[in-house]
Amino acid sequence: PTLSSRSGPTFVKQYAYTCKTIAYTTRVLLADLATLPKRSQSLTHVAKVWQKCDDCVNKIKNHDDNALAVHHDIGEQMNLVKDALRELDEYEKDPDENEWDDNEKCIAKAGVGVIRTAQATMSRIMKALKEKGNVWSTKNIQEMEEILIKCEKISPLVDDFASNLYPPIDTRTVVNDLYLLLETTKTAIETLRETHFVTE
C-alpha cells in the first residue's frame, strides 16, 4: 500500500515507527530461527511481525490520516496529565503520606485546578480534531502539527508543576511553574481558535 496526500508528518512518523518495529522483530525472528533451542520462542516473534504488518495495511485501508494520528499523540500527552492528577489525588487521600499544612493544601488545590484546565484544553482539542479535522489541504495539516507541538509542551510543564506541589512547597518555584503552564496553555487555546477544525 502507498500513503495518500492525507498522510501528514505525524501520521508518517507513526507509520515509519511501525515499519521499523517490523524490521527489528523480523531480525530477532531470524536470529531465533538460527538457534535450535530458541525456535519455540520464534512463534511469538512471528505473531508480532504479522500484527505490525496488519497495522500498516489497516492504517491505510481504514483511511487513517493525520487528524487521527495527531488525535492519538495528543491523547498520549493527556494521559501524562491524567497521571499527574491521579498521583496528587492519591497523595491527598493517603493519611500516612499527606504532609501538607493548611496553606500548602490551598496552594495544591489551586494547582490541581490549573492542571485540570490544561487537561480540559487538550480534551477540547481532541474532540474538535475527531469531529472536524480536515486533511485535504497542506494548510490544514500544518495547523494540526502546530497544535500538537503546543500540546507536547504542556505535559512536561504539568509534570514539573505537579512535582512541586508536594511538600515542602516552595512558593516561588510553584509561581514560576504556574506562569509557564498558564502561558503555554493560553497559547494553545489561542492557536486553537485559528484552526479550521474550530472555526469551521
C-alpha atoms as a PDB file:
ATOM      1  CA  PRO A   1       0.000   0.000   0.000  1.00  0.00           C
ATOM      2  CA  THR A   2       1.017   3.616  -0.568  1.00  0.00           C
ATOM      3  CA  LEU A   3       0.477   6.679   1.604  1.00  0.00           C
ATOM      4  CA  SER A   4      -2.005   9.285   0.415  1.00  0.00           C
ATOM      5  CA  SER A   5      -1.899  13.076   0.496  1.00  0.00           C
ATOM      6  CA  ARG A   6      -3.848  12.861   3.768  1.00  0.00           C
ATOM      7  CA  SER A   7      -0.752  11.433   5.432  1.00  0.00           C
ATOM      8  CA  GLY A   8       0.802  14.379   7.236  1.00  0.00           C
ATOM      9  CA  PRO A   9       4.040  14.378   9.272  1.00  0.00           C
ATOM     10  CA  THR A  10       2.589  12.810  12.420  1.00  0.00           C
ATOM     11  CA  PHE A  11       0.867  10.008  10.521  1.00  0.00           C
ATOM     12  CA  VAL A  12       4.054   9.303   8.550  1.00  0.00           C
ATOM     13  CA  LYS A  13       6.081   9.253  11.789  1.00  0.00           C
ATOM     14  CA  GLN A  14       3.739   6.695  13.340  1.00  0.00           C
ATOM     15  CA  TYR A  15       3.720   4.624  10.129  1.00  0.00           C
ATOM     16  CA  ALA A  16       7.520   4.715   9.955  1.00  0.00           C
ATOM     17  CA  TYR A  17       7.779   3.601  13.589  1.00  0.00           C
ATOM     18  CA  THR A  18       5.559   0.606  12.835  1.00  0.00           C
ATOM     19  CA  CYS A  19       7.731  -0.294   9.837  1.00  0.00           C
ATOM     20  CA  LYS A  20      10.899  -0.048  11.949  1.00  0.00           C
ATOM     21  CA  THR A  21       9.288  -2.329  14.516  1.00  0.00           C
ATOM     22  CA  ILE A  22       8.572  -4.862  11.759  1.00  0.00           C
ATOM     23  CA  ALA A  23      12.210  -4.759  10.644  1.00  0.00           C
ATOM     24  CA  TYR A  24      13.521  -5.172  14.191  1.00  0.00           C
ATOM     25  CA  THR A  25      11.124  -8.004  15.063  1.00  0.00           C
ATOM     26  CA  THR A  26      11.998  -9.776  11.815  1.00  0.00           C
ATOM     27  CA  ARG A  27      15.706  -9.598  12.658  1.00  0.00           C
ATOM     28  CA  VAL A  28      15.014 -11.086  16.083  1.00  0.00           C
ATOM     29  CA  LEU A  29      12.919 -13.817  14.443  1.00  0.00           C
ATOM     30  CA  LEU A  30      15.709 -14.758  12.026  1.00  0.00           C
ATOM     31  CA  ALA A  31      18.229 -14.832  14.874  1.00  0.00           C
ATOM     32  CA  ASP A  32      15.964 -17.155  16.860  1.00  0.00           C
ATOM     33  CA  LEU A  33      15.452 -19.447  13.899  1.00  0.00           C
ATOM     34  CA  ALA A  34      19.203 -19.782  13.562  1.00  0.00           C
ATOM     35  CA  THR A  35      19.469 -21.366  17.020  1.00  0.00           C
ATOM     36  CA  LEU A  36      17.565 -24.588  17.645  1.00  0.00           C
ATOM     37  CA  PRO A  37      16.938 -24.138  21.400  1.00  0.00           C
ATOM     38  CA  LYS A  38      15.067 -20.887  20.744  1.00  0.00           C
ATOM     39  CA  ARG A  39      12.834 -21.997  17.900  1.00  0.00           C
ATOM     40  CA  SER A  40       9.845 -22.367  20.212  1.00  0.00           C
ATOM     41  CA  GLN A  41      10.159 -18.654  21.002  1.00  0.00           C
ATOM     42  CA  SER A  42      10.051 -17.724  17.332  1.00  0.00           C
ATOM     43  CA  LEU A  43       6.269 -18.169  17.189  1.00  0.00           C
ATOM     44  CA  THR A  44       5.886 -15.116  19.407  1.00  0.00           C
ATOM     45  CA  HIS A  45       8.013 -13.028  17.045  1.00  0.00           C
ATOM     46  CA  VAL A  46       6.123 -14.348  14.005  1.00  0.00           C
ATOM     47  CA  ALA A  47       2.872 -13.160  15.603  1.00  0.00           C
ATOM     48  CA  LYS A  48       4.393  -9.733  16.298  1.00  0.00           C
ATOM     49  CA  VAL A  49       5.609  -9.379  12.714  1.00  0.00           C
ATOM     50  CA  TRP A  50       2.186 -10.267  11.314  1.00  0.00           C
ATOM     51  CA  GLN A  51       0.458  -7.928  13.765  1.00  0.00           C
ATOM     52  CA  LYS A  52       2.637  -4.984  12.758  1.00  0.00           C
ATOM     53  CA  CYS A  53       2.195  -5.760   9.064  1.00  0.00           C
ATOM     54  CA  ASP A  54      -1.561  -5.819   9.581  1.00  0.00           C
ATOM     55  CA  ASP A  55      -1.310  -2.495  11.433  1.00  0.00           C
ATOM     56  CA  CYS A  56       0.403  -0.884   8.436  1.00  0.00           C
ATOM     57  CA  VAL A  57      -2.162  -2.198   5.949  1.00  0.00           C
ATOM     58  CA  ASN A  58      -5.134  -1.401   8.169  1.00  0.00           C
ATOM     59  CA  LYS A  59      -3.999   2.189   8.725  1.00  0.00           C
ATOM     60  CA  ILE A  60      -4.405   2.790   5.017  1.00  0.00           C
ATOM     61  CA  LYS A  61      -7.446   0.552   4.442  1.00  0.00           C
ATOM     62  CA  ASN A  62      -9.271   2.251   7.320  1.00  0.00           C
ATOM     63  CA  HIS A  63      -8.340   5.674   5.948  1.00  0.00           C
ATOM     64  CA  ASP A  64      -6.311   6.626   8.995  1.00  0.00           C
ATOM     65  CA  ASP A  65      -4.964  10.097   8.369  1.00  0.00           C
ATOM     66  CA  ASN A  66      -3.044  12.897  10.016  1.00  0.00           C
ATOM     67  CA  ALA A  67      -6.065  14.069  12.012  1.00  0.00           C
ATOM     68  CA  LEU A  68      -6.351  10.684  13.708  1.00  0.00           C
ATOM     69  CA  ALA A  69      -2.585  10.458  14.152  1.00  0.00           C
ATOM     70  CA  VAL A  70      -2.434  13.862  15.862  1.00  0.00           C
ATOM     71  CA  HIS A  71      -5.504  12.923  17.911  1.00  0.00           C
ATOM     72  CA  HIS A  72      -3.643   9.797  19.080  1.00  0.00           C
ATOM     73  CA  ASP A  73      -0.469  11.708  20.017  1.00  0.00           C
ATOM     74  CA  ILE A  74      -2.379  14.395  21.921  1.00  0.00           C
ATOM     75  CA  GLY A  75      -4.202  11.598  23.736  1.00  0.00           C
ATOM     76  CA  GLU A  76      -0.857  10.234  24.888  1.00  0.00           C
ATOM     77  CA  GLN A  77       0.131  13.677  26.164  1.00  0.00           C
ATOM     78  CA  MET A  78      -3.188  13.998  28.003  1.00  0.00           C
ATOM     79  CA  ASN A  79      -2.624  10.619  29.643  1.00  0.00           C
ATOM     80  CA  LEU A  80       0.542  12.048  31.216  1.00  0.00           C
ATOM     81  CA  VAL A  81      -1.524  14.939  32.600  1.00  0.00           C
ATOM     82  CA  LYS A  82      -4.091  12.460  33.951  1.00  0.00           C
ATOM     83  CA  ASP A  83      -1.291  10.521  35.653  1.00  0.00           C
ATOM     84  CA  ALA A  84      -0.091  13.680  37.419  1.00  0.00           C
ATOM     85  CA  LEU A  85      -3.629  14.410  38.643  1.00  0.00           C
ATOM     86  CA  ARG A  86      -4.154  10.822  39.765  1.00  0.00           C
ATOM     87  CA  GLU A  87      -0.917  10.797  41.776  1.00  0.00           C
ATOM     88  CA  LEU A  88      -1.796  14.077  43.500  1.00  0.00           C
ATOM     89  CA  ASP A  89      -5.259  12.752  44.304  1.00  0.00           C
ATOM     90  CA  GLU A  90      -3.810   9.555  45.755  1.00  0.00           C
ATOM     91  CA  TYR A  91      -1.362  11.558  47.855  1.00  0.00           C
ATOM     92  CA  GLU A  92      -4.140  13.779  49.202  1.00  0.00           C
ATOM     93  CA  LYS A  93      -6.238  10.768  50.225  1.00  0.00           C
ATOM     94  CA  ASP A  94      -3.384   8.900  51.920  1.00  0.00           C
ATOM     95  CA  PRO A  95      -3.277   9.946  55.608  1.00  0.00           C
ATOM     96  CA  ASP A  96       0.085   8.258  56.087  1.00  0.00           C
ATOM     97  CA  GLU A  97       1.779  10.284  53.352  1.00  0.00           C
ATOM     98  CA  ASN A  98      -0.131  13.558  53.240  1.00  0.00           C
ATOM     99  CA  GLU A  99       2.059  16.168  54.934  1.00  0.00           C
ATOM    100  CA  TRP A 100       0.542  19.381  53.542  1.00  0.00           C
ATOM    101  CA  ASP A 101      -0.124  22.093  56.090  1.00  0.00           C
ATOM    102  CA  ASP A 102      -3.251  24.231  55.677  1.00  0.00           C
ATOM    103  CA  ASN A 103      -1.534  26.809  53.472  1.00  0.00           C
ATOM    104  CA  GLU A 104       0.030  24.140  51.272  1.00  0.00           C
ATOM    105  CA  LYS A 105      -3.336  22.423  50.901  1.00  0.00           C
ATOM    106  CA  CYS A 106      -4.785  25.655  49.481  1.00  0.00           C
ATOM    107  CA  ILE A 107      -1.866  26.022  47.069  1.00  0.00           C
ATOM    108  CA  ALA A 108      -2.120  22.378  45.974  1.00  0.00           C
ATOM    109  CA  LYS A 109      -5.881  22.627  45.464  1.00  0.00           C
ATOM    110  CA  ALA A 110      -5.460  25.708  43.264  1.00  0.00           C
ATOM    111  CA  GLY A 111      -2.651  23.943  41.400  1.00  0.00           C
ATOM    112  CA  VAL A 112      -4.848  20.942  40.672  1.00  0.00           C
ATOM    113  CA  GLY A 113      -7.444  23.316  39.243  1.00  0.00           C
ATOM    114  CA  VAL A 114      -4.871  24.739  36.836  1.00  0.00           C
ATOM    115  CA  ILE A 115      -3.806  21.243  35.757  1.00  0.00           C
ATOM    116  CA  ARG A 116      -7.439  20.327  35.127  1.00  0.00           C
ATOM    117  CA  THR A 117      -7.713  23.395  32.893  1.00  0.00           C
ATOM    118  CA  ALA A 118      -4.764  22.142  30.858  1.00  0.00           C
ATOM    119  CA  GLN A 119      -6.408  18.725  30.655  1.00  0.00           C
ATOM    120  CA  ALA A 120      -9.703  20.249  29.529  1.00  0.00           C
ATOM    121  CA  THR A 121      -7.865  22.200  26.816  1.00  0.00           C
ATOM    122  CA  MET A 122      -6.342  19.008  25.436  1.00  0.00           C
ATOM    123  CA  SER A 123      -9.685  17.250  25.633  1.00  0.00           C
ATOM    124  CA  ARG A 124     -11.356  20.028  23.656  1.00  0.00           C
ATOM    125  CA  ILE A 125      -8.645  19.870  21.002  1.00  0.00           C
ATOM    126  CA  MET A 126      -9.053  16.100  20.654  1.00  0.00           C
ATOM    127  CA  LYS A 127     -12.829  16.391  20.347  1.00  0.00           C
ATOM    128  CA  ALA A 128     -12.568  19.094  17.691  1.00  0.00           C
ATOM    129  CA  LEU A 129      -9.975  17.116  15.739  1.00  0.00           C
ATOM    130  CA  LYS A 130     -12.076  13.970  15.776  1.00  0.00           C
ATOM    131  CA  GLU A 131     -15.230  15.771  14.682  1.00  0.00           C
ATOM    132  CA  LYS A 132     -13.904  18.330  12.196  1.00  0.00           C
ATOM    133  CA  GLY A 133     -10.294  17.509  11.395  1.00  0.00           C
ATOM    134  CA  ASN A 134      -9.862  18.032   7.643  1.00  0.00           C
ATOM    135  CA  VAL A 135      -6.712  16.744   5.947  1.00  0.00           C
ATOM    136  CA  TRP A 136      -7.456  17.805   2.393  1.00  0.00           C
ATOM    137  CA  SER A 137      -5.069  20.742   2.365  1.00  0.00           C
ATOM    138  CA  THR A 138      -1.460  21.353   3.387  1.00  0.00           C
ATOM    139  CA  LYS A 139      -2.584  24.324   5.478  1.00  0.00           C
ATOM    140  CA  ASN A 140      -4.994  22.192   7.492  1.00  0.00           C
ATOM    141  CA  ILE A 141      -2.365  19.533   8.133  1.00  0.00           C
ATOM    142  CA  GLN A 142       0.093  22.218   9.260  1.00  0.00           C
ATOM    143  CA  GLU A 143      -2.476  23.572  11.720  1.00  0.00           C
ATOM    144  CA  MET A 144      -2.755  20.104  13.243  1.00  0.00           C
ATOM    145  CA  GLU A 145       1.006  19.830  13.566  1.00  0.00           C
ATOM    146  CA  GLU A 146       1.221  23.236  15.247  1.00  0.00           C
ATOM    147  CA  ILE A 147      -1.450  22.403  17.816  1.00  0.00           C
ATOM    148  CA  LEU A 148       0.288  19.085  18.541  1.00  0.00           C
ATOM    149  CA  ILE A 149       3.553  20.935  19.216  1.00  0.00           C
ATOM    150  CA  LYS A 150       1.710  23.181  21.689  1.00  0.00           C
ATOM    151  CA  CYS A 151       0.229  20.161  23.485  1.00  0.00           C
ATOM    152  CA  GLU A 152       3.612  18.449  23.641  1.00  0.00           C
ATOM    153  CA  LYS A 153       4.864  21.463  25.581  1.00  0.00           C
ATOM    154  CA  ILE A 154       2.019  21.338  28.096  1.00  0.00           C
ATOM    155  CA  SER A 155       2.503  17.841  29.530  1.00  0.00           C
ATOM    156  CA  PRO A 156       6.149  18.264  30.697  1.00  0.00           C
ATOM    157  CA  LEU A 157       5.210  21.619  32.262  1.00  0.00           C
ATOM    158  CA  VAL A 158       2.349  19.896  34.085  1.00  0.00           C
ATOM    159  CA  ASP A 159       4.778  17.256  35.310  1.00  0.00           C
ATOM    160  CA  ASP A 160       7.184  19.891  36.673  1.00  0.00           C
ATOM    161  CA  PHE A 161       4.360  21.903  38.211  1.00  0.00           C
ATOM    162  CA  ALA A 162       2.730  18.857  39.835  1.00  0.00           C
ATOM    163  CA  SER A 163       6.023  17.605  41.275  1.00  0.00           C
ATOM    164  CA  ASN A 164       6.468  20.942  43.062  1.00  0.00           C
ATOM    165  CA  LEU A 165       3.028  20.755  44.681  1.00  0.00           C
ATOM    166  CA  TYR A 166       4.256  18.111  47.106  1.00  0.00           C
ATOM    167  CA  PRO A 167       5.527  19.300  50.496  1.00  0.00           C
ATOM    168  CA  PRO A 168       7.529  21.170  51.370  1.00  0.00           C
ATOM    169  CA  ILE A 169       6.159  23.604  48.789  1.00  0.00           C
ATOM    170  CA  ASP A 170       8.465  26.339  47.551  1.00  0.00           C
ATOM    171  CA  THR A 171       6.028  29.127  46.716  1.00  0.00           C
ATOM    172  CA  ARG A 172       8.414  30.925  44.353  1.00  0.00           C
ATOM    173  CA  THR A 173       9.045  27.775  42.321  1.00  0.00           C
ATOM    174  CA  VAL A 174       5.339  26.978  42.153  1.00  0.00           C
ATOM    175  CA  VAL A 175       4.528  30.508  40.969  1.00  0.00           C
ATOM    176  CA  ASN A 176       7.187  30.305  38.244  1.00  0.00           C
ATOM    177  CA  ASP A 177       5.910  26.902  37.112  1.00  0.00           C
ATOM    178  CA  LEU A 178       2.339  28.184  37.237  1.00  0.00           C
ATOM    179  CA  TYR A 179       3.192  31.135  34.999  1.00  0.00           C
ATOM    180  CA  LEU A 180       4.858  28.909  32.392  1.00  0.00           C
ATOM    181  CA  LEU A 181       1.972  26.437  32.388  1.00  0.00           C
ATOM    182  CA  LEU A 182      -0.708  29.127  32.125  1.00  0.00           C
ATOM    183  CA  GLU A 183       1.104  30.940  29.302  1.00  0.00           C
ATOM    184  CA  THR A 184       1.628  27.729  27.346  1.00  0.00           C
ATOM    185  CA  THR A 185      -1.985  26.653  27.814  1.00  0.00           C
ATOM    186  CA  LYS A 186      -3.164  30.136  26.811  1.00  0.00           C
ATOM    187  CA  THR A 187      -1.040  29.968  23.647  1.00  0.00           C
ATOM    188  CA  ALA A 188      -2.537  26.579  22.796  1.00  0.00           C
ATOM    189  CA  ILE A 189      -6.060  27.982  23.201  1.00  0.00           C
ATOM    190  CA  GLU A 190      -5.234  31.000  21.047  1.00  0.00           C
ATOM    191  CA  THR A 191      -3.747  28.763  18.357  1.00  0.00           C
ATOM    192  CA  LEU A 192      -6.800  26.502  18.565  1.00  0.00           C
ATOM    193  CA  ARG A 193      -9.147  29.398  17.833  1.00  0.00           C
ATOM    194  CA  GLU A 194      -7.449  29.941  14.476  1.00  0.00           C
ATOM    195  CA  THR A 195      -7.615  26.332  13.302  1.00  0.00           C
ATOM    196  CA  HIS A 196     -10.052  25.049  10.691  1.00  0.00           C
ATOM    197  CA  PHE A 197     -11.413  22.362  12.997  1.00  0.00           C
ATOM    198  CA  VAL A 198     -12.680  25.001  15.441  1.00  0.00           C
ATOM    199  CA  THR A 199     -13.594  27.911  13.166  1.00  0.00           C
ATOM    200  CA  GLU A 200     -15.440  25.861  10.539  1.00  0.00           C
END
